[in-house]
């Protein structure tokens, strides 16, 4: 894939996503939103549409400020297939360990493994990011959205 076609795809993708977000905002305007303490039917779609807008604007900004200089593209090859295999294996292990270990510990291990095996990072960064992501996602899913998650061996 050439640099120009990738740039065009990113532009088209960001514009289409912005259009979807705009239509979502229009649809949300017809239903009650509520407040964070007492959300109504339109509250979570409003949050998702806002996030979609932010992410698509970020993609648009990054694409527009990219220099037109040619850059070397990394070909996937066997290294790419190895990463896909490792990711699928890690997700399978996560599925099996989810109930016995609980959400927080299994998510911590999944993120930690992916950060070390797929795109190797320093250990301190792996631990901090895995701890933060598993903790924040647990707070969002369990406390904010009230989705029951398994506590596992340690009760956490």
Protein backbone atom coordinates (compact mmCIF):
# COMPACT_ATOMS: atom_id res chain seq x y z
CA UNK A 1 0.00 0.00 0.00
CA UNK A 2 1.41 3.37 -0.94
CA UNK A 3 1.69 6.36 1.35
CA UNK A 4 -0.80 8.33 -0.75
CA UNK A 5 -3.48 5.65 -0.70
CA UNK A 6 -3.08 5.21 3.06
CA UNK A 7 -3.46 8.94 3.53
CA UNK A 8 -6.59 8.98 1.34
CA UNK A 9 -8.09 6.07 3.29
CA UNK A 10 -7.46 7.82 6.59
CA UNK A 11 -9.07 11.01 5.27
CA UNK A 12 -12.14 9.17 4.00
CA UNK A 13 -12.40 7.11 7.18
CA UNK A 14 -12.19 10.15 9.45
CA UNK A 15 -14.82 12.03 7.42
CA UNK A 16 -17.19 9.04 7.40
CA UNK A 17 -16.76 8.61 11.17
CA UNK A 18 -17.47 12.31 11.71
CA UNK A 19 -20.63 11.96 9.63
CA UNK A 20 -21.73 8.96 11.71
CA UNK A 21 -21.07 10.92 14.91
CA UNK A 22 -23.05 13.88 13.54
CA UNK A 23 -26.04 11.68 12.66
CA UNK A 24 -25.81 10.07 16.10
CA UNK A 25 -25.90 13.51 17.75
CA UNK A 26 -28.98 14.37 15.67
CA UNK A 27 -30.73 11.18 16.77
CA UNK A 28 -29.75 11.66 20.41
CA UNK A 29 -31.28 15.14 20.41
CA UNK A 30 -34.74 13.56 20.20
CA UNK A 31 -34.41 11.38 23.32
CA UNK A 32 -33.84 12.21 27.00
CA UNK A 33 -30.20 12.23 28.13
CA UNK A 34 -30.38 12.54 31.91
CA UNK A 35 -27.41 13.20 34.16
CA UNK A 36 -24.36 11.13 35.13
CA UNK A 37 -26.09 10.25 38.40
CA UNK A 38 -29.38 9.37 36.71
CA UNK A 39 -28.63 8.50 33.09
CA UNK A 40 -31.50 8.09 30.68
CA UNK A 41 -31.73 6.41 27.31
CA UNK A 42 -29.52 8.89 25.44
CA UNK A 43 -26.71 9.23 27.99
CA UNK A 44 -24.39 6.42 26.85
CA UNK A 45 -24.94 7.04 23.13
CA UNK A 46 -24.00 10.69 23.82
CA UNK A 47 -20.75 9.58 25.46
CA UNK A 48 -19.97 7.20 22.59
CA UNK A 49 -20.76 9.80 19.93
CA UNK A 50 -18.53 12.29 21.74
CA UNK A 51 -15.67 9.77 21.86
CA UNK A 52 -16.19 8.94 18.19
CA UNK A 53 -16.02 12.64 17.35
CA UNK A 54 -12.80 13.13 19.33
CA UNK A 55 -11.13 10.06 17.80
CA UNK A 56 -12.17 10.88 14.23
CA UNK A 57 -11.01 14.49 14.62
CA UNK A 58 -7.70 13.19 15.96
CA UNK A 59 -7.34 10.89 12.94
CA UNK A 60 -8.22 13.76 10.61
CA UNK A 61 -5.71 16.08 12.30
CA UNK A 62 -2.90 13.50 12.22
CA UNK A 63 -3.61 12.70 8.57
CA UNK A 64 -3.66 16.34 7.51
CA UNK A 65 -0.45 17.25 9.32
CA UNK A 66 1.43 14.23 7.95
CA UNK A 67 4.22 15.23 5.66
CA UNK A 68 3.95 14.03 2.12
CA UNK A 69 7.44 12.60 2.29
CA UNK A 70 7.72 8.97 1.41
CA UNK A 71 8.15 6.69 4.38
CA UNK A 72 9.12 3.09 4.36
CA UNK A 73 6.26 0.78 5.13
CA UNK A 74 6.91 -2.25 7.26
CA UNK A 75 5.70 -5.40 5.59
CA UNK A 76 3.82 -7.84 7.82
CA UNK A 77 5.30 -11.11 6.54
CA UNK A 78 5.73 -13.99 8.99
CA UNK A 79 6.41 -11.60 11.84
CA UNK A 80 2.88 -10.26 11.46
CA UNK A 81 1.41 -13.77 11.49
CA UNK A 82 3.40 -14.58 14.62
CA UNK A 83 1.94 -11.53 16.35
CA UNK A 84 -1.57 -12.50 15.29
CA UNK A 85 -1.01 -16.02 16.63
CA UNK A 86 0.35 -14.72 19.93
CA UNK A 87 -2.61 -12.36 20.27
CA UNK A 88 -5.13 -15.14 19.57
CA UNK A 89 -3.35 -17.40 22.06
CA UNK A 90 -3.36 -14.65 24.68
CA UNK A 91 -7.08 -14.00 24.14
CA UNK A 92 -7.81 -17.73 24.41
CA UNK A 93 -5.84 -17.94 27.66
CA UNK A 94 -7.71 -14.88 28.92
CA UNK A 95 -11.04 -16.60 28.19
CA UNK A 96 -9.98 -19.70 30.16
CA UNK A 97 -8.47 -17.74 33.07
CA UNK A 98 -11.22 -15.12 33.30
CA UNK A 99 -13.41 -16.89 35.87
CA UNK A 100 -10.73 -18.65 37.97
CA UNK A 101 -8.41 -15.62 38.29
CA UNK A 102 -11.04 -12.89 38.13
CA UNK A 103 -11.33 -9.89 35.88
CA UNK A 104 -8.60 -7.67 37.29
CA UNK A 105 -5.82 -10.25 37.44
CA UNK A 106 -6.64 -11.87 34.08
CA UNK A 107 -6.87 -8.45 32.37
CA UNK A 108 -3.58 -7.39 33.99
CA UNK A 109 -1.89 -10.55 32.66
CA UNK A 110 -3.42 -10.13 29.19
CA UNK A 111 -2.29 -6.54 28.80
CA UNK A 112 1.11 -7.30 30.30
CA UNK A 113 1.66 -10.23 27.95
CA UNK A 114 0.59 -8.28 24.88
CA UNK A 115 2.86 -5.37 25.79
CA UNK A 116 5.86 -7.68 26.22
CA UNK A 117 5.26 -10.24 23.46
CA UNK A 118 3.71 -8.24 20.64
CA UNK A 119 5.58 -4.96 20.84
CA UNK A 120 8.18 -5.34 23.63
CA UNK A 121 8.10 -2.54 26.20
CA UNK A 122 10.12 -1.94 29.37
CA UNK A 123 8.93 -3.84 32.44
CA UNK A 124 8.07 -0.73 34.45
CA UNK A 125 5.89 0.53 31.61
CA UNK A 126 4.21 -2.86 31.22
CA UNK A 127 3.34 -3.02 34.93
CA UNK A 128 2.09 0.56 35.14
CA UNK A 129 -0.04 0.38 31.97
CA UNK A 130 -1.45 -3.08 32.77
CA UNK A 131 -2.29 -2.02 36.34
CA UNK A 132 -3.91 1.22 35.20
CA UNK A 133 -5.89 -0.34 32.33
CA UNK A 134 -7.18 -3.29 34.35
CA UNK A 135 -8.10 -1.04 37.28
CA UNK A 136 -9.82 1.68 35.27
CA UNK A 137 -11.69 -0.78 33.05
CA UNK A 138 -12.85 -2.65 36.18
CA UNK A 139 -14.10 0.59 37.73
CA UNK A 140 -15.97 1.51 34.57
CA UNK A 141 -17.52 -1.91 33.99
CA UNK A 142 -18.23 -2.91 37.58
CA UNK A 143 -18.99 0.33 39.37
CA UNK A 144 -20.24 2.69 36.68
CA UNK A 145 -22.04 0.24 34.40
CA UNK A 146 -22.85 -2.31 37.17
CA UNK A 147 -21.72 -5.29 35.08
CA UNK A 148 -21.03 -8.22 37.40
CA UNK A 149 -17.45 -9.42 36.88
CA UNK A 150 -15.80 -12.49 38.42
CA UNK A 151 -13.67 -11.76 41.50
CA UNK A 152 -11.43 -14.83 41.17
CA UNK A 153 -9.04 -16.44 43.64
CA UNK A 154 -8.00 -13.29 45.46
CA UNK A 155 -11.52 -11.88 45.67
CA UNK A 156 -10.59 -8.80 43.66
